[in-house]
C-alpha atoms as a PDB file:
ATOM      1  CA  GLN A   1       0.131   0.321  -0.229  1.00  0.00           C
ATOM      2  CA  VAL A   2       1.482   3.500  -0.888  1.00  0.00           C
ATOM      3  CA  GLN A   3       1.839   6.330   1.906  1.00  0.00           C
ATOM      4  CA  LEU A   4       2.658   9.483   1.229  1.00  0.00           C
ATOM      5  CA  VAL A   5       4.204  11.277   3.754  1.00  0.00           C
ATOM      6  CA  GLU A   6       4.806  15.416   3.111  1.00  0.00           C
ATOM      7  CA  SER A   7       7.017  17.943   4.689  1.00  0.00           C
ATOM      8  CA  GLY A   8       8.290  21.460   3.955  1.00  0.00           C
ATOM      9  CA  GLY A   9       5.501  23.811   4.212  1.00  0.00           C
ATOM     10  CA  GLY A  10       5.358  27.098   6.187  1.00  0.00           C
ATOM     11  CA  LEU A  11       4.756  30.862   6.190  1.00  0.00           C
ATOM     12  CA  VAL A  12       7.405  32.797   4.034  1.00  0.00           C
ATOM     13  CA  GLN A  13       7.360  36.425   2.582  1.00  0.00           C
ATOM     14  CA  PRO A  14       6.538  37.285  -0.982  1.00  0.00           C
ATOM     15  CA  GLY A  15       9.589  36.504  -3.027  1.00  0.00           C
ATOM     16  CA  GLY A  16      10.985  34.243  -0.989  1.00  0.00           C
ATOM     17  CA  SER A  17      11.939  30.494  -1.238  1.00  0.00           C
ATOM     18  CA  LEU A  18      10.231  27.089   0.302  1.00  0.00           C
ATOM     19  CA  ARG A  19      10.969  23.619  -0.725  1.00  0.00           C
ATOM     20  CA  LEU A  20       8.187  20.465   0.030  1.00  0.00           C
ATOM     21  CA  SER A  21       8.983  16.847   0.137  1.00  0.00           C
ATOM     22  CA  CYS A  22       7.229  14.000  -0.635  1.00  0.00           C
ATOM     23  CA  ARG A  23       8.420  10.138   0.237  1.00  0.00           C
ATOM     24  CA  THR A  24       6.443   7.224  -0.770  1.00  0.00           C
ATOM     25  CA  SER A  25       6.607   4.011   1.234  1.00  0.00           C
ATOM     26  CA  THR A  26       6.621   2.250  -2.131  1.00  0.00           C
ATOM     27  CA  VAL A  27       6.611   2.727  -5.665  1.00  0.00           C
ATOM     28  CA  PRO A  28       4.591   0.837  -8.081  1.00  0.00           C
ATOM     29  CA  ASN A  29       5.487  -1.582 -11.033  1.00  0.00           C
ATOM     30  CA  GLY A  30       5.729   0.100 -14.319  1.00  0.00           C
ATOM     31  CA  LEU A  31       5.119   3.645 -15.209  1.00  0.00           C
ATOM     32  CA  TYR A  32       3.600   6.130 -12.662  1.00  0.00           C
ATOM     33  CA  GLU A  33       3.939   9.678 -12.239  1.00  0.00           C
ATOM     34  CA  MET A  34       4.378  11.481  -9.026  1.00  0.00           C
ATOM     35  CA  GLY A  35       3.267  15.223  -8.180  1.00  0.00           C
ATOM     36  CA  TRP A  36       2.201  18.090  -6.519  1.00  0.00           C
ATOM     37  CA  TYR A  37      -1.304  19.598  -6.661  1.00  0.00           C
ATOM     38  CA  ARG A  38      -2.700  22.268  -4.311  1.00  0.00           C
ATOM     39  CA  GLN A  39      -6.001  23.515  -3.301  1.00  0.00           C
ATOM     40  CA  ALA A  40      -6.541  27.408  -1.971  1.00  0.00           C
ATOM     41  CA  PRO A  41      -9.733  28.302   0.041  1.00  0.00           C
ATOM     42  CA  GLU A  42     -12.961  27.954  -2.067  1.00  0.00           C
ATOM     43  CA  LYS A  43     -11.213  26.719  -5.026  1.00  0.00           C
ATOM     44  CA  GLN A  44     -10.746  23.839  -7.228  1.00  0.00           C
ATOM     45  CA  ARG A  45      -7.368  21.442  -6.825  1.00  0.00           C
ATOM     46  CA  GLU A  46      -4.920  21.943  -9.466  1.00  0.00           C
ATOM     47  CA  LEU A  47      -1.602  20.585 -10.487  1.00  0.00           C
ATOM     48  CA  VAL A  48       1.233  22.200  -9.856  1.00  0.00           C
ATOM     49  CA  ALA A  49       3.661  20.375 -11.067  1.00  0.00           C
ATOM     50  CA  SER A  50       4.687  16.320 -11.647  1.00  0.00           C
ATOM     51  CA  ILE A  51       7.210  13.963 -12.771  1.00  0.00           C
ATOM     52  CA  THR A  52       7.210  10.648 -14.663  1.00  0.00           C
ATOM     53  CA  SER A  53       8.707   7.644 -13.481  1.00  0.00           C
ATOM     54  CA  VAL A  54      11.280   8.014 -16.564  1.00  0.00           C
ATOM     55  CA  GLY A  55      11.780  11.649 -16.020  1.00  0.00           C
ATOM     56  CA  ILE A  56       9.422  13.817 -17.631  1.00  0.00           C
ATOM     57  CA  THR A  57       8.017  16.895 -16.158  1.00  0.00           C
ATOM     58  CA  ASN A  58       5.099  18.986 -16.274  1.00  0.00           C
ATOM     59  CA  TYR A  59       4.493  22.790 -14.769  1.00  0.00           C
ATOM     60  CA  ALA A  60       1.326  24.565 -14.353  1.00  0.00           C
ATOM     61  CA  ASP A  61       1.799  27.625 -16.170  1.00  0.00           C
ATOM     62  CA  SER A  62       1.375  29.964 -13.396  1.00  0.00           C
ATOM     63  CA  VAL A  63       4.731  28.399 -11.464  1.00  0.00           C
ATOM     64  CA  SER A  64       6.670  27.295 -14.547  1.00  0.00           C
ATOM     65  CA  GLY A  65       9.784  29.254 -14.072  1.00  0.00           C
ATOM     66  CA  ARG A  66       9.485  29.614 -10.513  1.00  0.00           C
ATOM     67  CA  PHE A  67       9.004  25.961  -9.467  1.00  0.00           C
ATOM     68  CA  THR A  68      11.070  22.880  -9.865  1.00  0.00           C
ATOM     69  CA  ILE A  69       9.662  19.101  -9.188  1.00  0.00           C
ATOM     70  CA  SER A  70      12.683  16.401  -8.871  1.00  0.00           C
ATOM     71  CA  THR A  71      13.120  12.984  -7.221  1.00  0.00           C
ATOM     72  CA  ASP A  72      16.208  11.547  -5.669  1.00  0.00           C
ATOM     73  CA  ALA A  73      18.130   8.886  -7.101  1.00  0.00           C
ATOM     74  CA  GLY A  74      15.661   5.613  -5.406  1.00  0.00           C
ATOM     75  CA  LYS A  75      12.926   7.835  -6.715  1.00  0.00           C
ATOM     76  CA  LEU A  76      10.763   7.329  -3.369  1.00  0.00           C
ATOM     77  CA  THR A  77      11.219  11.188  -2.783  1.00  0.00           C
ATOM     78  CA  VAL A  78       9.642  14.030  -4.696  1.00  0.00           C
ATOM     79  CA  THR A  79      10.629  17.768  -3.936  1.00  0.00           C
ATOM     80  CA  LEU A  80       9.179  20.686  -5.047  1.00  0.00           C
ATOM     81  CA  GLN A  81      11.483  23.491  -4.826  1.00  0.00           C
ATOM     82  CA  MET A  82       9.347  26.795  -4.916  1.00  0.00           C
ATOM     83  CA  ASN A  83      10.971  29.780  -5.550  1.00  0.00           C
ATOM     84  CA  SER A  84       9.873  33.896  -5.972  1.00  0.00           C
ATOM     85  CA  LEU A  85       6.797  33.049  -4.223  1.00  0.00           C
ATOM     86  CA  LYS A  86       3.663  35.074  -4.904  1.00  0.00           C
ATOM     87  CA  PRO A  87       0.546  35.352  -2.170  1.00  0.00           C
ATOM     88  CA  GLU A  88      -1.261  33.651  -4.660  1.00  0.00           C
ATOM     89  CA  ASP A  89       0.937  30.334  -4.164  1.00  0.00           C
ATOM     90  CA  THR A  90      -1.013  30.573  -0.812  1.00  0.00           C
ATOM     91  CA  ALA A  91      -2.532  26.744  -0.431  1.00  0.00           C
ATOM     92  CA  VAL A  92      -2.507  23.708   1.060  1.00  0.00           C
ATOM     93  CA  TYR A  93      -0.259  21.634  -1.045  1.00  0.00           C
ATOM     94  CA  TYR A  94      -0.921  17.874  -1.890  1.00  0.00           C
ATOM     95  CA  CYS A  95       1.522  15.084  -2.592  1.00  0.00           C
ATOM     96  CA  ASN A  96       0.270  12.714  -5.302  1.00  0.00           C
ATOM     97  CA  LEU A  97       1.250   9.498  -6.513  1.00  0.00           C
ATOM     98  CA  ARG A  98      -0.488   7.799  -9.926  1.00  0.00           C
ATOM     99  CA  PRO A  99       0.092   4.717 -11.752  1.00  0.00           C
ATOM    100  CA  LEU A 100      -0.363   5.415 -15.174  1.00  0.00           C
ATOM    101  CA  SER A 101      -1.738   1.650 -16.054  1.00  0.00           C
ATOM    102  CA  THR A 102      -4.678   1.530 -13.218  1.00  0.00           C
ATOM    103  CA  ASN A 103      -7.025   3.846 -11.959  1.00  0.00           C
ATOM    104  CA  ALA A 104      -5.403   3.841  -8.511  1.00  0.00           C
ATOM    105  CA  ASN A 105      -4.818   7.452  -7.277  1.00  0.00           C
ATOM    106  CA  TYR A 106      -3.184   8.314  -3.748  1.00  0.00           C
ATOM    107  CA  TRP A 107      -2.606  11.359  -1.888  1.00  0.00           C
ATOM    108  CA  GLY A 108      -0.411  12.688   1.026  1.00  0.00           C
ATOM    109  CA  GLN A 109      -2.234  14.518   3.981  1.00  0.00           C
ATOM    110  CA  GLY A 110      -1.328  17.854   2.806  1.00  0.00           C
ATOM    111  CA  THR A 111       0.751  20.654   3.556  1.00  0.00           C
ATOM    112  CA  GLN A 112       0.038  24.525   3.989  1.00  0.00           C
ATOM    113  CA  VAL A 113       2.027  26.767   2.727  1.00  0.00           C
ATOM    114  CA  THR A 114       1.256  30.617   3.165  1.00  0.00           C
ATOM    115  CA  VAL A 115       3.029  33.670   1.208  1.00  0.00           C
ATOM    116  CA  SER A 116       2.430  36.795   3.182  1.00  0.00           C
ATOM    117  CA  SER A 117       4.178  39.904   4.030  1.00  0.00           C
END
């Protein structure tokens, strides 16, 4: 069973940086995608960035050039480096793991990111 544990949220001033990490207890067989989604109050959850098990990355237009997603060598930890943060980046950020060959979808518990002066 996949379990995702997130860390690294917090409060930061506009223009600052934060790094989010998500460690998975296991990875599925075959191709899969790990990513970060976010949900602001009264808004739908949206994709922030994702990376497949073969290294293909995808970013939301709103974060492209500011955020970087990466995995460690063992592909058990996915990291989201967030730079030049803006107040509109404030949200609960959720880690996600999705095998590409099944309908399974795994979520972390969420971590709060607040960008405010």
